[in-house]
Amino acid sequence: MSITRLAAGAGITRQAVTKHLHVLADAGLVSGVRRGREQLWELNPQQLQEARRCLDAISRQWDDALDRLQASLENEP
């Protein structure tokens, strides 16, 4: 999609969308290609799945840590 199309209805400026896209591109989540005067962007689903796996692992670590904390607090006199 073009930046204009992505920004439509988003409630933020095209410049803000562009900045966000560049951050996502640096993370490998999207890629852009220039076609004429437009920059077209597409999602990289494989990288998004990898990000999801990483976030799930972090979530599990936090859940485990909170479970240990709760058990520790419940076992105190």
N, C-alpha and C. Protein backbone atom coordinates (compact mmCIF):
# COMPACT_ATOMS: atom_id res chain seq x y z
N MET A 1 0.83 -1.19 0.00
CA MET A 1 0.00 0.00 0.00
C MET A 1 0.88 1.25 0.00
N SER A 2 0.32 2.30 -0.51
CA SER A 2 1.03 3.57 -0.48
C SER A 2 0.86 4.23 0.89
N ILE A 3 1.73 5.16 1.19
CA ILE A 3 1.65 5.89 2.45
C ILE A 3 0.34 6.66 2.53
N THR A 4 -0.09 7.24 1.42
CA THR A 4 -1.36 7.98 1.41
C THR A 4 -2.51 7.06 1.78
N ARG A 5 -2.51 5.88 1.21
CA ARG A 5 -3.58 4.92 1.50
C ARG A 5 -3.51 4.42 2.94
N LEU A 6 -2.31 4.19 3.44
CA LEU A 6 -2.15 3.74 4.82
C LEU A 6 -2.57 4.82 5.81
N ALA A 7 -2.32 6.08 5.47
CA ALA A 7 -2.64 7.18 6.38
C ALA A 7 -4.12 7.53 6.37
N ALA A 8 -4.83 7.15 5.32
CA ALA A 8 -6.25 7.48 5.21
C ALA A 8 -7.02 6.87 6.37
N GLY A 9 -7.70 7.71 7.12
CA GLY A 9 -8.50 7.25 8.24
C GLY A 9 -7.72 6.89 9.48
N ALA A 10 -6.41 7.05 9.45
CA ALA A 10 -5.58 6.67 10.60
C ALA A 10 -5.58 7.73 11.70
N GLY A 11 -5.94 8.94 11.33
CA GLY A 11 -5.95 10.00 12.34
C GLY A 11 -4.58 10.58 12.63
N ILE A 12 -3.59 10.22 11.83
CA ILE A 12 -2.25 10.81 11.95
C ILE A 12 -1.78 11.24 10.57
N THR A 13 -0.76 12.06 10.54
CA THR A 13 -0.28 12.61 9.28
C THR A 13 0.48 11.56 8.47
N ARG A 14 0.64 11.83 7.19
CA ARG A 14 1.44 10.94 6.34
C ARG A 14 2.87 10.89 6.83
N GLN A 15 3.38 12.03 7.33
CA GLN A 15 4.74 12.06 7.84
C GLN A 15 4.89 11.13 9.04
N ALA A 16 3.88 11.10 9.91
CA ALA A 16 3.92 10.21 11.07
C ALA A 16 3.87 8.75 10.62
N VAL A 17 3.03 8.46 9.63
CA VAL A 17 2.95 7.09 9.09
C VAL A 17 4.30 6.69 8.51
N THR A 18 4.92 7.61 7.79
CA THR A 18 6.23 7.34 7.19
C THR A 18 7.27 7.01 8.26
N LYS A 19 7.29 7.79 9.35
CA LYS A 19 8.24 7.52 10.43
C LYS A 19 7.99 6.14 11.04
N HIS A 20 6.74 5.80 11.25
CA HIS A 20 6.42 4.49 11.81
C HIS A 20 6.85 3.38 10.85
N LEU A 21 6.62 3.57 9.56
CA LEU A 21 7.00 2.56 8.58
C LEU A 21 8.51 2.34 8.55
N HIS A 22 9.27 3.41 8.72
CA HIS A 22 10.73 3.26 8.72
C HIS A 22 11.20 2.49 9.95
N VAL A 23 10.56 2.70 11.08
CA VAL A 23 10.90 1.93 12.28
C VAL A 23 10.57 0.46 12.07
N LEU A 24 9.37 0.21 11.51
CA LEU A 24 8.98 -1.18 11.22
C LEU A 24 9.90 -1.82 10.19
N ALA A 25 10.34 -1.04 9.22
CA ALA A 25 11.27 -1.55 8.21
C ALA A 25 12.62 -1.90 8.84
N ASP A 26 13.10 -1.06 9.75
CA ASP A 26 14.35 -1.35 10.45
C ASP A 26 14.26 -2.66 11.23
N ALA A 27 13.05 -2.97 11.72
CA ALA A 27 12.84 -4.22 12.46
C ALA A 27 12.57 -5.39 11.52
N GLY A 28 12.47 -5.13 10.23
CA GLY A 28 12.23 -6.18 9.26
C GLY A 28 10.78 -6.61 9.15
N LEU A 29 9.87 -5.84 9.75
CA LEU A 29 8.45 -6.21 9.73
C LEU A 29 7.73 -5.79 8.46
N VAL A 30 8.24 -4.75 7.80
CA VAL A 30 7.68 -4.30 6.53
C VAL A 30 8.82 -4.00 5.58
N SER A 31 8.50 -3.93 4.30
CA SER A 31 9.50 -3.51 3.33
C SER A 31 8.82 -2.57 2.35
N GLY A 32 9.62 -1.65 1.84
CA GLY A 32 9.09 -0.66 0.91
C GLY A 32 9.83 -0.71 -0.41
N VAL A 33 9.11 -0.42 -1.48
CA VAL A 33 9.70 -0.36 -2.81
C VAL A 33 9.13 0.87 -3.51
N ARG A 34 10.01 1.57 -4.19
CA ARG A 34 9.58 2.77 -4.90
C ARG A 34 9.06 2.40 -6.27
N ARG A 35 7.87 2.88 -6.57
CA ARG A 35 7.27 2.72 -7.91
C ARG A 35 6.86 4.10 -8.38
N GLY A 36 7.66 4.63 -9.29
CA GLY A 36 7.41 5.99 -9.75
C GLY A 36 7.61 6.97 -8.62
N ARG A 37 6.58 7.76 -8.34
CA ARG A 37 6.67 8.75 -7.26
C ARG A 37 6.22 8.19 -5.92
N GLU A 38 5.68 6.98 -5.92
CA GLU A 38 5.13 6.40 -4.69
C GLU A 38 6.08 5.39 -4.07
N GLN A 39 6.00 5.32 -2.77
CA GLN A 39 6.68 4.27 -2.01
C GLN A 39 5.59 3.31 -1.58
N LEU A 40 5.67 2.07 -2.02
CA LEU A 40 4.68 1.06 -1.66
C LEU A 40 5.25 0.16 -0.57
N TRP A 41 4.42 -0.16 0.40
CA TRP A 41 4.86 -0.92 1.56
C TRP A 41 4.08 -2.22 1.66
N GLU A 42 4.78 -3.25 2.13
CA GLU A 42 4.11 -4.53 2.37
C GLU A 42 4.63 -5.16 3.66
N LEU A 43 3.76 -5.93 4.26
CA LEU A 43 4.06 -6.62 5.50
C LEU A 43 4.91 -7.84 5.22
N ASN A 44 5.86 -8.11 6.11
CA ASN A 44 6.67 -9.33 6.04
C ASN A 44 6.12 -10.29 7.09
N PRO A 45 5.20 -11.20 6.70
CA PRO A 45 4.54 -12.05 7.68
C PRO A 45 5.48 -12.97 8.45
N GLN A 46 6.56 -13.44 7.80
CA GLN A 46 7.51 -14.31 8.51
C GLN A 46 8.14 -13.58 9.69
N GLN A 47 8.55 -12.35 9.46
CA GLN A 47 9.19 -11.58 10.54
C GLN A 47 8.18 -11.26 11.63
N LEU A 48 6.94 -11.03 11.25
CA LEU A 48 5.89 -10.76 12.23
C LEU A 48 5.66 -11.99 13.10
N GLN A 49 5.69 -13.18 12.50
CA GLN A 49 5.54 -14.42 13.26
C GLN A 49 6.70 -14.59 14.23
N GLU A 50 7.91 -14.24 13.80
CA GLU A 50 9.08 -14.33 14.68
C GLU A 50 8.94 -13.37 15.85
N ALA A 51 8.48 -12.16 15.58
CA ALA A 51 8.25 -11.18 16.65
C ALA A 51 7.21 -11.72 17.64
N ARG A 52 6.16 -12.33 17.12
CA ARG A 52 5.11 -12.91 17.98
C ARG A 52 5.69 -14.01 18.87
N ARG A 53 6.55 -14.86 18.29
CA ARG A 53 7.18 -15.93 19.09
C ARG A 53 8.04 -15.33 20.21
N CYS A 54 8.78 -14.28 19.90
CA CYS A 54 9.61 -13.64 20.91
C CYS A 54 8.76 -13.02 22.01
N LEU A 55 7.70 -12.34 21.62
CA LEU A 55 6.81 -11.73 22.61
C LEU A 55 6.11 -12.78 23.47
N ASP A 56 5.74 -13.90 22.86
CA ASP A 56 5.14 -14.99 23.63
C ASP A 56 6.13 -15.55 24.66
N ALA A 57 7.39 -15.69 24.27
CA ALA A 57 8.41 -16.19 25.20
C ALA A 57 8.60 -15.22 26.36
N ILE A 58 8.64 -13.94 26.06
CA ILE A 58 8.78 -12.92 27.12
C ILE A 58 7.56 -12.96 28.04
N SER A 59 6.39 -13.11 27.45
CA SER A 59 5.15 -13.19 28.24
C SER A 59 5.19 -14.39 29.20
N ARG A 60 5.65 -15.54 28.70
CA ARG A 60 5.76 -16.73 29.55
C ARG A 60 6.75 -16.50 30.68
N GLN A 61 7.87 -15.82 30.39
CA GLN A 61 8.86 -15.54 31.44
C GLN A 61 8.25 -14.66 32.53
N TRP A 62 7.51 -13.65 32.13
CA TRP A 62 6.86 -12.77 33.11
C TRP A 62 5.81 -13.53 33.91
N ASP A 63 5.02 -14.36 33.25
CA ASP A 63 4.02 -15.16 33.95
C ASP A 63 4.68 -16.07 34.98
N ASP A 64 5.78 -16.72 34.60
CA ASP A 64 6.50 -17.58 35.53
C ASP A 64 7.05 -16.79 36.71
N ALA A 65 7.63 -15.63 36.44
CA ALA A 65 8.18 -14.81 37.51
C ALA A 65 7.08 -14.34 38.46
N LEU A 66 5.94 -13.95 37.92
CA LEU A 66 4.83 -13.50 38.77
C LEU A 66 4.25 -14.66 39.58
N ASP A 67 4.21 -15.85 38.99
CA ASP A 67 3.75 -17.04 39.73
C ASP A 67 4.69 -17.35 40.89
N ARG A 68 6.00 -17.25 40.63
CA ARG A 68 6.98 -17.49 41.71
C ARG A 68 6.84 -16.45 42.80
N LEU A 69 6.63 -15.20 42.42
CA LEU A 69 6.46 -14.13 43.41
C LEU A 69 5.20 -14.38 44.24
N GLN A 70 4.11 -14.73 43.59
CA GLN A 70 2.87 -15.00 44.31
C GLN A 70 3.05 -16.17 45.28
N ALA A 71 3.68 -17.24 44.83
CA ALA A 71 3.91 -18.40 45.70
C ALA A 71 4.79 -18.02 46.87
N SER A 72 5.80 -17.22 46.63
CA SER A 72 6.70 -16.78 47.70
C SER A 72 5.95 -15.96 48.74
N LEU A 73 5.10 -15.06 48.27
CA LEU A 73 4.36 -14.20 49.18
C LEU A 73 3.31 -14.98 49.97
N GLU A 74 2.72 -15.98 49.33
CA GLU A 74 1.71 -16.78 50.01
C GLU A 74 2.33 -17.71 51.04
N ASN A 75 3.59 -18.07 50.88
CA ASN A 75 4.26 -18.99 51.81
C ASN A 75 4.93 -18.29 52.96
N GLU A 76 4.96 -16.97 52.97
CA GLU A 76 5.56 -16.22 54.08
C GLU A 76 4.64 -16.22 55.28
N PRO A 77 5.23 -16.32 56.49
CA PRO A 77 4.41 -16.33 57.71
C PRO A 77 3.73 -15.00 57.98
